[in-house]
């Protein structure tokens, strides 16, 4: 019974994921799922199973690419502890911050780097 619900959920998700299937065809599949659920899931998986796998794989690759791109963008923008300390030192040398504030910024930068390593 649990595996049937997984298959039913997979069919419904695939119906809405498929860009080539028209709205009326999606509505017909959903109606068939409502009135004859077990048989419709079986027919859908047999008739459109290969397309389901391709769409799922494509979506997975797109999500992975988006995740990789996000990680690269965050990694480029984050400053390491050495950069943060050098910026704080420049502020100290300019007289913008006090030595106590410099020590606080330095300890923050060093503590963050210990979490990321």
PDB file of N, CA and C in Angstrom:
ATOM      1  N   UNK A   1       0.814  -1.194   0.000  1.00  0.00           N
ATOM      2  CA  UNK A   1       0.000   0.000   0.000  1.00  0.00           C
ATOM      3  C   UNK A   1       0.860   1.262   0.000  1.00  0.00           C
ATOM      4  N   UNK A   2       1.959   1.247   0.786  1.00  0.00           N
ATOM      5  CA  UNK A   2       2.856   2.398   0.849  1.00  0.00           C
ATOM      6  C   UNK A   2       3.525   2.632  -0.503  1.00  0.00           C
ATOM      7  N   UNK A   3       3.951   1.554  -1.135  1.00  0.00           N
ATOM      8  CA  UNK A   3       4.600   1.702  -2.436  1.00  0.00           C
ATOM      9  C   UNK A   3       3.618   2.236  -3.482  1.00  0.00           C
ATOM     10  N   UNK A   4       2.347   1.872  -3.361  1.00  0.00           N
ATOM     11  CA  UNK A   4       1.342   2.410  -4.274  1.00  0.00           C
ATOM     12  C   UNK A   4       1.225   3.914  -4.106  1.00  0.00           C
ATOM     13  N   UNK A   5       1.207   4.390  -2.861  1.00  0.00           N
ATOM     14  CA  UNK A   5       1.108   5.835  -2.637  1.00  0.00           C
ATOM     15  C   UNK A   5       2.337   6.566  -3.147  1.00  0.00           C
ATOM     16  N   UNK A   6       3.513   5.955  -3.028  1.00  0.00           N
ATOM     17  CA  UNK A   6       4.716   6.558  -3.603  1.00  0.00           C
ATOM     18  C   UNK A   6       4.585   6.654  -5.118  1.00  0.00           C
ATOM     19  N   UNK A   7       4.091   5.601  -5.740  1.00  0.00           N
ATOM     20  CA  UNK A   7       3.911   5.607  -7.194  1.00  0.00           C
ATOM     21  C   UNK A   7       2.857   6.635  -7.598  1.00  0.00           C
ATOM     22  N   UNK A   8       1.772   6.719  -6.850  1.00  0.00           N
ATOM     23  CA  UNK A   8       0.721   7.696  -7.135  1.00  0.00           C
ATOM     24  C   UNK A   8       1.261   9.119  -7.030  1.00  0.00           C
ATOM     25  N   UNK A   9       1.992   9.388  -5.974  1.00  0.00           N
ATOM     26  CA  UNK A   9       2.596  10.707  -5.803  1.00  0.00           C
ATOM     27  C   UNK A   9       3.573  11.000  -6.936  1.00  0.00           C
ATOM     28  N   UNK A  10       4.375  10.018  -7.326  1.00  0.00           N
ATOM     29  CA  UNK A  10       5.321  10.194  -8.429  1.00  0.00           C
ATOM     30  C   UNK A  10       4.618  10.504  -9.742  1.00  0.00           C
ATOM     31  N   UNK A  11       3.503   9.858  -9.996  1.00  0.00           N
ATOM     32  CA  UNK A  11       2.740  10.106 -11.221  1.00  0.00           C
ATOM     33  C   UNK A  11       2.170  11.515 -11.210  1.00  0.00           C
ATOM     34  N   UNK A  12       1.616  11.938 -10.087  1.00  0.00           N
ATOM     35  CA  UNK A  12       1.035  13.284 -10.005  1.00  0.00           C
ATOM     36  C   UNK A  12       2.116  14.341 -10.176  1.00  0.00           C
ATOM     37  N   UNK A  13       3.253  14.165  -9.536  1.00  0.00           N
ATOM     38  CA  UNK A  13       4.357  15.113  -9.683  1.00  0.00           C
ATOM     39  C   UNK A  13       4.834  15.146 -11.129  1.00  0.00           C
ATOM     40  N   UNK A  14       4.941  13.986 -11.746  1.00  0.00           N
ATOM     41  CA  UNK A  14       5.398  13.939 -13.134  1.00  0.00           C
ATOM     42  C   UNK A  14       4.405  14.592 -14.083  1.00  0.00           C
ATOM     43  N   UNK A  15       3.128  14.452 -13.797  1.00  0.00           N
ATOM     44  CA  UNK A  15       2.127  15.113 -14.646  1.00  0.00           C
ATOM     45  C   UNK A  15       2.350  16.620 -14.685  1.00  0.00           C
ATOM     46  N   UNK A  16       2.611  17.212 -13.531  1.00  0.00           N
ATOM     47  CA  UNK A  16       2.800  18.653 -13.487  1.00  0.00           C
ATOM     48  C   UNK A  16       4.192  19.086 -13.927  1.00  0.00           C
ATOM     49  N   UNK A  17       5.139  18.172 -13.907  1.00  0.00           N
ATOM     50  CA  UNK A  17       6.493  18.470 -14.350  1.00  0.00           C
ATOM     51  C   UNK A  17       6.622  18.440 -15.870  1.00  0.00           C
ATOM     52  N   UNK A  18       5.784  17.647 -16.525  1.00  0.00           N
ATOM     53  CA  UNK A  18       5.865  17.454 -17.973  1.00  0.00           C
ATOM     54  C   UNK A  18       5.380  18.704 -18.710  1.00  0.00           C
ATOM     55  N   UNK A  19       6.275  19.347 -19.439  1.00  0.00           N
ATOM     56  CA  UNK A  19       5.946  20.573 -20.174  1.00  0.00           C
ATOM     57  C   UNK A  19       5.325  20.271 -21.548  1.00  0.00           C
ATOM     58  N   UNK A  20       5.511  19.071 -22.052  1.00  0.00           N
ATOM     59  CA  UNK A  20       5.002  18.732 -23.380  1.00  0.00           C
ATOM     60  C   UNK A  20       3.545  18.278 -23.347  1.00  0.00           C
ATOM     61  N   UNK A  21       3.088  17.817 -22.206  1.00  0.00           N
ATOM     62  CA  UNK A  21       1.721  17.340 -22.073  1.00  0.00           C
ATOM     63  C   UNK A  21       0.793  18.536 -21.876  1.00  0.00           C
ATOM     64  N   UNK A  22      -0.271  18.582 -22.651  1.00  0.00           N
ATOM     65  CA  UNK A  22      -1.211  19.699 -22.587  1.00  0.00           C
ATOM     66  C   UNK A  22      -2.076  19.675 -21.339  1.00  0.00           C
ATOM     67  N   UNK A  23      -2.750  20.779 -21.098  1.00  0.00           N
ATOM     68  CA  UNK A  23      -3.589  20.908 -19.922  1.00  0.00           C
ATOM     69  C   UNK A  23      -4.748  19.935 -19.890  1.00  0.00           C
ATOM     70  N   UNK A  24      -5.394  19.729 -21.048  1.00  0.00           N
ATOM     71  CA  UNK A  24      -6.517  18.797 -21.097  1.00  0.00           C
ATOM     72  C   UNK A  24      -6.062  17.362 -20.865  1.00  0.00           C
ATOM     73  N   UNK A  25      -4.893  17.027 -21.383  1.00  0.00           N
ATOM     74  CA  UNK A  25      -4.369  15.673 -21.169  1.00  0.00           C
ATOM     75  C   UNK A  25      -4.033  15.466 -19.687  1.00  0.00           C
ATOM     76  N   UNK A  26      -3.474  16.493 -19.063  1.00  0.00           N
ATOM     77  CA  UNK A  26      -3.189  16.398 -17.626  1.00  0.00           C
ATOM     78  C   UNK A  26      -4.487  16.230 -16.841  1.00  0.00           C
ATOM     79  N   UNK A  27      -5.506  16.988 -17.223  1.00  0.00           N
ATOM     80  CA  UNK A  27      -6.800  16.881 -16.537  1.00  0.00           C
ATOM     81  C   UNK A  27      -7.390  15.487 -16.713  1.00  0.00           C
ATOM     82  N   UNK A  28      -7.256  14.925 -17.914  1.00  0.00           N
ATOM     83  CA  UNK A  28      -7.782  13.581 -18.161  1.00  0.00           C
ATOM     84  C   UNK A  28      -7.053  12.551 -17.302  1.00  0.00           C
ATOM     85  N   UNK A  29      -5.725  12.645 -17.217  1.00  0.00           N
ATOM     86  CA  UNK A  29      -4.960  11.728 -16.380  1.00  0.00           C
ATOM     87  C   UNK A  29      -5.382  11.868 -14.916  1.00  0.00           C
ATOM     88  N   UNK A  30      -5.557  13.101 -14.446  1.00  0.00           N
ATOM     89  CA  UNK A  30      -5.959  13.305 -13.054  1.00  0.00           C
ATOM     90  C   UNK A  30      -7.352  12.741 -12.777  1.00  0.00           C
ATOM     91  N   UNK A  31      -8.269  12.931 -13.719  1.00  0.00           N
ATOM     92  CA  UNK A  31      -9.601  12.348 -13.554  1.00  0.00           C
ATOM     93  C   UNK A  31      -9.537  10.830 -13.512  1.00  0.00           C
ATOM     94  N   UNK A  32      -8.737  10.263 -14.393  1.00  0.00           N
ATOM     95  CA  UNK A  32      -8.582   8.803 -14.391  1.00  0.00           C
ATOM     96  C   UNK A  32      -7.955   8.337 -13.075  1.00  0.00           C
ATOM     97  N   UNK A  33      -6.997   9.112 -12.558  1.00  0.00           N
ATOM     98  CA  UNK A  33      -6.401   8.763 -11.267  1.00  0.00           C
ATOM     99  C   UNK A  33      -7.432   8.820 -10.145  1.00  0.00           C
ATOM    100  N   UNK A  34      -8.375   9.722 -10.264  1.00  0.00           N
ATOM    101  CA  UNK A  34      -9.406   9.861  -9.238  1.00  0.00           C
ATOM    102  C   UNK A  34     -10.409   8.705  -9.282  1.00  0.00           C
ATOM    103  N   UNK A  35     -10.809   8.312 -10.487  1.00  0.00           N
ATOM    104  CA  UNK A  35     -11.858   7.294 -10.608  1.00  0.00           C
ATOM    105  C   UNK A  35     -11.326   5.864 -10.620  1.00  0.00           C
ATOM    106  N   UNK A  36     -10.184   5.627 -11.253  1.00  0.00           N
ATOM    107  CA  UNK A  36      -9.608   4.276 -11.336  1.00  0.00           C
ATOM    108  C   UNK A  36      -8.120   4.380 -10.974  1.00  0.00           C
ATOM    109  N   UNK A  37      -7.820   4.628  -9.714  1.00  0.00           N
ATOM    110  CA  UNK A  37      -6.442   4.984  -9.350  1.00  0.00           C
ATOM    111  C   UNK A  37      -5.400   3.900  -9.608  1.00  0.00           C
ATOM    112  N   UNK A  38      -5.645   2.680  -9.184  1.00  0.00           N
ATOM    113  CA  UNK A  38      -4.616   1.641  -9.322  1.00  0.00           C
ATOM    114  C   UNK A  38      -4.298   1.357 -10.786  1.00  0.00           C
ATOM    115  N   UNK A  39      -5.323   1.177 -11.584  1.00  0.00           N
ATOM    116  CA  UNK A  39      -5.134   0.874 -12.995  1.00  0.00           C
ATOM    117  C   UNK A  39      -4.472   2.037 -13.729  1.00  0.00           C
ATOM    118  N   UNK A  40      -4.861   3.254 -13.398  1.00  0.00           N
ATOM    119  CA  UNK A  40      -4.292   4.429 -14.061  1.00  0.00           C
ATOM    120  C   UNK A  40      -2.812   4.576 -13.744  1.00  0.00           C
ATOM    121  N   UNK A  41      -2.436   4.368 -12.484  1.00  0.00           N
ATOM    122  CA  UNK A  41      -1.012   4.440 -12.125  1.00  0.00           C
ATOM    123  C   UNK A  41      -0.232   3.389 -12.899  1.00  0.00           C
ATOM    124  N   UNK A  42      -0.760   2.192 -12.977  1.00  0.00           N
ATOM    125  CA  UNK A  42      -0.089   1.118 -13.706  1.00  0.00           C
ATOM    126  C   UNK A  42       0.072   1.471 -15.186  1.00  0.00           C
ATOM    127  N   UNK A  43      -0.986   1.970 -15.799  1.00  0.00           N
ATOM    128  CA  UNK A  43      -0.925   2.341 -17.222  1.00  0.00           C
ATOM    129  C   UNK A  43       0.038   3.503 -17.433  1.00  0.00           C
ATOM    130  N   UNK A  44      -0.006   4.500 -16.543  1.00  0.00           N
ATOM    131  CA  UNK A  44       0.877   5.671 -16.690  1.00  0.00           C
ATOM    132  C   UNK A  44       2.344   5.263 -16.604  1.00  0.00           C
ATOM    133  N   UNK A  45       2.670   4.433 -15.637  1.00  0.00           N
ATOM    134  CA  UNK A  45       4.069   4.007 -15.468  1.00  0.00           C
ATOM    135  C   UNK A  45       4.539   3.188 -16.667  1.00  0.00           C
ATOM    136  N   UNK A  46       3.664   2.355 -17.209  1.00  0.00           N
ATOM    137  CA  UNK A  46       4.047   1.562 -18.376  1.00  0.00           C
ATOM    138  C   UNK A  46       4.177   2.451 -19.607  1.00  0.00           C
ATOM    139  N   UNK A  47       3.224   3.343 -19.821  1.00  0.00           N
ATOM    140  CA  UNK A  47       3.207   4.150 -21.037  1.00  0.00           C
ATOM    141  C   UNK A  47       4.208   5.304 -20.999  1.00  0.00           C
ATOM    142  N   UNK A  48       4.417   5.894 -19.838  1.00  0.00           N
ATOM    143  CA  UNK A  48       5.228   7.112 -19.767  1.00  0.00           C
ATOM    144  C   UNK A  48       6.395   6.981 -18.795  1.00  0.00           C
ATOM    145  N   UNK A  49       6.743   5.781 -18.398  1.00  0.00           N
ATOM    146  CA  UNK A  49       7.794   5.560 -17.408  1.00  0.00           C
ATOM    147  C   UNK A  49       9.161   6.061 -17.829  1.00  0.00           C
ATOM    148  N   UNK A  50       9.506   5.862 -19.096  1.00  0.00           N
ATOM    149  CA  UNK A  50      10.815   6.318 -19.571  1.00  0.00           C
ATOM    150  C   UNK A  50      10.901   7.834 -19.510  1.00  0.00           C
ATOM    151  N   UNK A  51       9.847   8.502 -19.904  1.00  0.00           N
ATOM    152  CA  UNK A  51       9.815   9.964 -19.825  1.00  0.00           C
ATOM    153  C   UNK A  51       9.878  10.453 -18.385  1.00  0.00           C
ATOM    154  N   UNK A  52       9.239   9.705 -17.475  1.00  0.00           N
ATOM    155  CA  UNK A  52       9.311  10.062 -16.057  1.00  0.00           C
ATOM    156  C   UNK A  52      10.753  10.054 -15.580  1.00  0.00           C
ATOM    157  N   UNK A  53      11.475   9.022 -15.947  1.00  0.00           N
ATOM    158  CA  UNK A  53      12.869   8.902 -15.526  1.00  0.00           C
ATOM    159  C   UNK A  53      13.720  10.019 -16.119  1.00  0.00           C
ATOM    160  N   UNK A  54      13.506  10.344 -17.378  1.00  0.00           N
ATOM    161  CA  UNK A  54      14.268  11.419 -18.023  1.00  0.00           C
ATOM    162  C   UNK A  54      13.980  12.771 -17.375  1.00  0.00           C
ATOM    163  N   UNK A  55      12.704  13.059 -17.112  1.00  0.00           N
ATOM    164  CA  UNK A  55      12.359  14.339 -16.484  1.00  0.00           C
ATOM    165  C   UNK A  55      12.921  14.425 -15.073  1.00  0.00           C
ATOM    166  N   UNK A  56      12.866  13.336 -14.351  1.00  0.00           N
ATOM    167  CA  UNK A  56      13.409  13.320 -12.992  1.00  0.00           C
ATOM    168  C   UNK A  56      14.917  13.532 -13.001  1.00  0.00           C
ATOM    169  N   UNK A  57      15.597  12.875 -13.912  1.00  0.00           N
ATOM    170  CA  UNK A  57      17.047  13.031 -14.029  1.00  0.00           C
ATOM    171  C   UNK A  57      17.411  14.457 -14.423  1.00  0.00           C
ATOM    172  N   UNK A  58      16.678  15.014 -15.373  1.00  0.00           N
ATOM    173  CA  UNK A  58      16.939  16.380 -15.821  1.00  0.00           C
ATOM    174  C   UNK A  58      16.746  17.369 -14.675  1.00  0.00           C
ATOM    175  N   UNK A  59      15.677  17.210 -13.920  1.00  0.00           N
ATOM    176  CA  UNK A  59      15.416  18.117 -12.797  1.00  0.00           C
ATOM    177  C   UNK A  59      16.495  17.983 -11.730  1.00  0.00           C
ATOM    178  N   UNK A  60      16.933  16.769 -11.477  1.00  0.00           N
ATOM    179  CA  UNK A  60      17.985  16.544 -10.497  1.00  0.00           C
ATOM    180  C   UNK A  60      19.281  17.231 -10.916  1.00  0.00           C
ATOM    181  N   UNK A  61      19.619  17.127 -12.195  1.00  0.00           N
ATOM    182  CA  UNK A  61      20.829  17.782 -12.696  1.00  0.00           C
ATOM    183  C   UNK A  61      20.708  19.300 -12.612  1.00  0.00           C
ATOM    184  N   UNK A  62      19.523  19.839 -12.889  1.00  0.00           N
ATOM    185  CA  UNK A  62      19.317  21.285 -12.795  1.00  0.00           C
ATOM    186  C   UNK A  62      19.471  21.762 -11.360  1.00  0.00           C
ATOM    187  N   UNK A  63      18.899  21.019 -10.416  1.00  0.00           N
ATOM    188  CA  UNK A  63      19.047  21.386  -9.008  1.00  0.00           C
ATOM    189  C   UNK A  63      20.506  21.326  -8.580  1.00  0.00           C
ATOM    190  N   UNK A  64      21.223  20.312  -9.031  1.00  0.00           N
ATOM    191  CA  UNK A  64      22.634  20.190  -8.689  1.00  0.00           C
ATOM    192  C   UNK A  64      23.436  21.346  -9.271  1.00  0.00           C
ATOM    193  N   UNK A  65      23.145  21.728 -10.505  1.00  0.00           N
ATOM    194  CA  UNK A  65      23.848  22.850 -11.126  1.00  0.00           C
ATOM    195  C   UNK A  65      23.557  24.145 -10.386  1.00  0.00           C
ATOM    196  N   UNK A  66      22.313  24.361  -9.987  1.00  0.00           N
ATOM    197  CA  UNK A  66      21.968  25.565  -9.230  1.00  0.00           C
ATOM    198  C   UNK A  66      22.672  25.581  -7.877  1.00  0.00           C
ATOM    199  N   UNK A  67      22.741  24.433  -7.225  1.00  0.00           N
ATOM    200  CA  UNK A  67      23.423  24.347  -5.945  1.00  0.00           C
ATOM    201  C   UNK A  67      24.910  24.630  -6.105  1.00  0.00           C
ATOM    202  N   UNK A  68      25.533  24.039  -7.111  1.00  0.00           N
ATOM    203  CA  UNK A  68      26.953  24.275  -7.361  1.00  0.00           C
ATOM    204  C   UNK A  68      27.229  25.744  -7.652  1.00  0.00           C
ATOM    205  N   UNK A  69      26.352  26.369  -8.458  1.00  0.00           N
ATOM    206  CA  UNK A  69      26.524  27.784  -8.789  1.00  0.00           C
ATOM    207  C   UNK A  69      26.387  28.644  -7.536  1.00  0.00           C
ATOM    208  N   UNK A  70      25.442  28.324  -6.678  1.00  0.00           N
ATOM    209  CA  UNK A  70      25.260  29.083  -5.445  1.00  0.00           C
ATOM    210  C   UNK A  70      26.473  28.937  -4.533  1.00  0.00           C
ATOM    211  N   UNK A  71      26.976  27.722  -4.406  1.00  0.00           N
ATOM    212  CA  UNK A  71      28.148  27.491  -3.553  1.00  0.00           C
ATOM    213  C   UNK A  71      29.352  28.258  -4.080  1.00  0.00           C
ATOM    214  N   UNK A  72      29.536  28.253  -5.409  1.00  0.00           N
ATOM    215  CA  UNK A  72      30.649  29.009  -5.982  1.00  0.00           C
ATOM    216  C   UNK A  72      30.505  30.506  -5.712  1.00  0.00           C
ATOM    217  N   UNK A  73      29.288  31.032  -5.836  1.00  0.00           N
ATOM    218  CA  UNK A  73      29.089  32.463  -5.623  1.00  0.00           C
ATOM    219  C   UNK A  73      29.328  32.836  -4.164  1.00  0.00           C
ATOM    220  N   UNK A  74      28.908  31.987  -3.241  1.00  0.00           N
ATOM    221  CA  UNK A  74      29.118  32.272  -1.829  1.00  0.00           C
ATOM    222  C   UNK A  74      30.593  32.139  -1.475  1.00  0.00           C
ATOM    223  N   UNK A  75      31.259  31.169  -2.036  1.00  0.00           N
ATOM    224  CA  UNK A  75      32.678  30.962  -1.743  1.00  0.00           C
ATOM    225  C   UNK A  75      33.517  32.126  -2.243  1.00  0.00           C
ATOM    226  N   UNK A  76      33.138  32.711  -3.367  1.00  0.00           N
ATOM    227  CA  UNK A  76      33.891  33.853  -3.900  1.00  0.00           C
ATOM    228  C   UNK A  76      33.701  35.098  -3.044  1.00  0.00           C
ATOM    229  N   UNK A  77      32.517  35.303  -2.521  1.00  0.00           N
ATOM    230  CA  UNK A  77      32.243  36.536  -1.799  1.00  0.00           C
ATOM    231  C   UNK A  77      32.682  36.494  -0.347  1.00  0.00           C
ATOM    232  N   UNK A  78      32.844  35.299   0.204  1.00  0.00           N
ATOM    233  CA  UNK A  78      33.224  35.249   1.613  1.00  0.00           C
ATOM    234  C   UNK A  78      34.714  35.533   1.758  1.00  0.00           C
ATOM    235  N   UNK A  79      35.018  36.380   2.718  1.00  0.00           N
ATOM    236  CA  UNK A  79      36.411  36.724   2.980  1.00  0.00           C
ATOM    237  C   UNK A  79      36.962  35.774   4.027  1.00  0.00           C
ATOM    238  N   UNK A  80      38.185  35.387   3.865  1.00  0.00           N
ATOM    239  CA  UNK A  80      38.826  34.530   4.846  1.00  0.00           C
ATOM    240  C   UNK A  80      39.226  35.336   6.069  1.00  0.00           C
ATOM    241  N   UNK A  81      39.647  34.665   7.117  1.00  0.00           N
ATOM    242  CA  UNK A  81      40.014  35.378   8.340  1.00  0.00           C
ATOM    243  C   UNK A  81      41.186  36.334   8.148  1.00  0.00           C
ATOM    244  N   UNK A  82      42.121  35.997   7.267  1.00  0.00           N
ATOM    245  CA  UNK A  82      43.260  36.886   7.042  1.00  0.00           C
ATOM    246  C   UNK A  82      42.804  38.217   6.437  1.00  0.00           C
ATOM    247  N   UNK A  83      41.846  38.154   5.496  1.00  0.00           N
ATOM    248  CA  UNK A  83      41.334  39.394   4.900  1.00  0.00           C
ATOM    249  C   UNK A  83      40.578  40.228   5.928  1.00  0.00           C
ATOM    250  N   UNK A  84      39.776  39.562   6.751  1.00  0.00           N
ATOM    251  CA  UNK A  84      39.014  40.288   7.762  1.00  0.00           C
ATOM    252  C   UNK A  84      39.941  40.944   8.779  1.00  0.00           C
ATOM    253  N   UNK A  85      40.981  40.240   9.177  1.00  0.00           N
ATOM    254  CA  UNK A  85      41.932  40.803  10.137  1.00  0.00           C
ATOM    255  C   UNK A  85      42.692  41.960   9.514  1.00  0.00           C
ATOM    256  N   UNK A  86      43.081  41.822   8.238  1.00  0.00           N
ATOM    257  CA  UNK A  86      43.811  42.925   7.593  1.00  0.00           C
ATOM    258  C   UNK A  86      42.923  44.157   7.433  1.00  0.00           C
ATOM    259  N   UNK A  87      41.632  43.962   7.159  1.00  0.00           N
ATOM    260  CA  UNK A  87      40.714  45.105   7.093  1.00  0.00           C
ATOM    261  C   UNK A  87      40.582  45.769   8.461  1.00  0.00           C
ATOM    262  N   UNK A  88      40.468  44.938   9.505  1.00  0.00           N
ATOM    263  CA  UNK A  88      40.373  45.492  10.858  1.00  0.00           C
ATOM    264  C   UNK A  88      41.654  46.223  11.234  1.00  0.00           C
ATOM    265  N   UNK A  89      42.798  45.693  10.827  1.00  0.00           N
ATOM    266  CA  UNK A  89      44.088  46.352  11.107  1.00  0.00           C
ATOM    267  C   UNK A  89      44.164  47.701  10.407  1.00  0.00           C
ATOM    268  N   UNK A  90      43.663  47.759   9.166  1.00  0.00           N
ATOM    269  CA  UNK A  90      43.651  49.037   8.442  1.00  0.00           C
ATOM    270  C   UNK A  90      42.760  50.045   9.164  1.00  0.00           C
ATOM    271  N   UNK A  91      41.639  49.590   9.683  1.00  0.00           N
ATOM    272  CA  UNK A  91      40.763  50.486  10.451  1.00  0.00           C
ATOM    273  C   UNK A  91      41.444  50.940  11.739  1.00  0.00           C
ATOM    274  N   UNK A  92      42.183  50.044  12.389  1.00  0.00           N
ATOM    275  CA  UNK A  92      42.923  50.400  13.605  1.00  0.00           C
ATOM    276  C   UNK A  92      44.001  51.418  13.299  1.00  0.00           C
ATOM    277  N   UNK A  93      44.743  51.186  12.205  1.00  0.00           N
ATOM    278  CA  UNK A  93      45.811  52.111  11.820  1.00  0.00           C
ATOM    279  C   UNK A  93      45.261  53.490  11.453  1.00  0.00           C
ATOM    280  N   UNK A  94      44.066  53.519  10.890  1.00  0.00           N
ATOM    281  CA  UNK A  94      43.454  54.783  10.505  1.00  0.00           C
ATOM    282  C   UNK A  94      42.846  55.493  11.719  1.00  0.00           C
ATOM    283  N   UNK A  95      42.747  54.790  12.833  1.00  0.00           N
ATOM    284  CA  UNK A  95      42.174  55.383  14.034  1.00  0.00           C
ATOM    285  C   UNK A  95      40.663  55.300  14.088  1.00  0.00           C
ATOM    286  N   UNK A  96      40.081  54.517  13.214  1.00  0.00           N
ATOM    287  CA  UNK A  96      38.631  54.387  13.166  1.00  0.00           C
ATOM    288  C   UNK A  96      38.110  53.530  14.316  1.00  0.00           C
ATOM    289  N   UNK A  97      38.871  52.512  14.692  1.00  0.00           N
ATOM    290  CA  UNK A  97      38.467  51.640  15.794  1.00  0.00           C
ATOM    291  C   UNK A  97      39.551  51.636  16.862  1.00  0.00           C
ATOM    292  N   UNK A  98      39.164  51.205  18.041  1.00  0.00           N
ATOM    293  CA  UNK A  98      40.114  51.140  19.160  1.00  0.00           C
ATOM    294  C   UNK A  98      40.813  49.782  19.149  1.00  0.00           C
ATOM    295  N   UNK A  99      41.917  49.663  19.895  1.00  0.00           N
ATOM    296  CA  UNK A  99      42.576  48.352  19.989  1.00  0.00           C
ATOM    297  C   UNK A  99      41.668  47.263  20.549  1.00  0.00           C
ATOM    298  N   UNK A 100      40.767  47.607  21.443  1.00  0.00           N
ATOM    299  CA  UNK A 100      39.840  46.610  21.992  1.00  0.00           C
ATOM    300  C   UNK A 100      38.883  46.117  20.904  1.00  0.00           C
ATOM    301  N   UNK A 101      38.402  47.039  20.078  1.00  0.00           N
ATOM    302  CA  UNK A 101      37.516  46.649  18.975  1.00  0.00           C
ATOM    303  C   UNK A 101      38.267  45.795  17.954  1.00  0.00           C
ATOM    304  N   UNK A 102      39.545  46.152  17.718  1.00  0.00           N
ATOM    305  CA  UNK A 102      40.359  45.354  16.808  1.00  0.00           C
ATOM    306  C   UNK A 102      40.499  43.927  17.325  1.00  0.00           C
ATOM    307  N   UNK A 103      40.781  43.785  18.630  1.00  0.00           N
ATOM    308  CA  UNK A 103      40.910  42.448  19.217  1.00  0.00           C
ATOM    309  C   UNK A 103      39.607  41.654  19.114  1.00  0.00           C
ATOM    310  N   UNK A 104      38.468  42.345  19.282  1.00  0.00           N
ATOM    311  CA  UNK A 104      37.172  41.665  19.169  1.00  0.00           C
ATOM    312  C   UNK A 104      36.933  41.197  17.737  1.00  0.00           C
ATOM    313  N   UNK A 105      37.226  42.057  16.752  1.00  0.00           N
ATOM    314  CA  UNK A 105      37.060  41.677  15.345  1.00  0.00           C
ATOM    315  C   UNK A 105      37.989  40.523  14.975  1.00  0.00           C
ATOM    316  N   UNK A 106      39.190  40.583  15.492  1.00  0.00           N
ATOM    317  CA  UNK A 106      40.173  39.528  15.210  1.00  0.00           C
ATOM    318  C   UNK A 106      39.709  38.191  15.780  1.00  0.00           C
ATOM    319  N   UNK A 107      39.214  38.200  17.009  1.00  0.00           N
ATOM    320  CA  UNK A 107      38.757  36.942  17.607  1.00  0.00           C
ATOM    321  C   UNK A 107      37.518  36.405  16.886  1.00  0.00           C
ATOM    322  N   UNK A 108      36.636  37.306  16.425  1.00  0.00           N
ATOM    323  CA  UNK A 108      35.472  36.860  15.652  1.00  0.00           C
ATOM    324  C   UNK A 108      35.898  36.189  14.355  1.00  0.00           C
ATOM    325  N   UNK A 109      36.849  36.805  13.656  1.00  0.00           N
ATOM    326  CA  UNK A 109      37.316  36.245  12.380  1.00  0.00           C
ATOM    327  C   UNK A 109      37.961  34.886  12.596  1.00  0.00           C
ATOM    328  N   UNK A 110      38.731  34.766  13.638  1.00  0.00           N
ATOM    329  CA  UNK A 110      39.400  33.493  13.908  1.00  0.00           C
ATOM    330  C   UNK A 110      38.411  32.423  14.370  1.00  0.00           C
ATOM    331  N   UNK A 111      37.399  32.819  15.120  1.00  0.00           N
ATOM    332  CA  UNK A 111      36.422  31.821  15.573  1.00  0.00           C
ATOM    333  C   UNK A 111      35.565  31.330  14.418  1.00  0.00           C
ATOM    334  N   UNK A 112      35.221  32.215  13.472  1.00  0.00           N
ATOM    335  CA  UNK A 112      34.456  31.772  12.293  1.00  0.00           C
ATOM    336  C   UNK A 112      35.263  30.841  11.430  1.00  0.00           C
ATOM    337  N   UNK A 113      36.558  31.068  11.327  1.00  0.00           N
ATOM    338  CA  UNK A 113      37.367  30.193  10.468  1.00  0.00           C
ATOM    339  C   UNK A 113      37.495  28.803  11.077  1.00  0.00           C
ATOM    340  N   UNK A 114      37.419  28.691  12.404  1.00  0.00           N
ATOM    341  CA  UNK A 114      37.511  27.366  13.015  1.00  0.00           C
ATOM    342  C   UNK A 114      36.252  26.546  12.761  1.00  0.00           C
ATOM    343  N   UNK A 115      35.075  27.210  12.553  1.00  0.00           N
ATOM    344  CA  UNK A 115      33.854  26.491  12.238  1.00  0.00           C
ATOM    345  C   UNK A 115      33.840  25.985  10.814  1.00  0.00           C
ATOM    346  N   UNK A 116      34.453  26.702   9.893  1.00  0.00           N
ATOM    347  CA  UNK A 116      34.406  26.328   8.484  1.00  0.00           C
ATOM    348  C   UNK A 116      35.458  25.314   8.102  1.00  0.00           C
ATOM    349  N   UNK A 117      36.414  25.060   8.952  1.00  0.00           N
ATOM    350  CA  UNK A 117      37.476  24.115   8.598  1.00  0.00           C
ATOM    351  C   UNK A 117      37.164  22.727   9.009  1.00  0.00           C
TER     352      UNK A 117
END
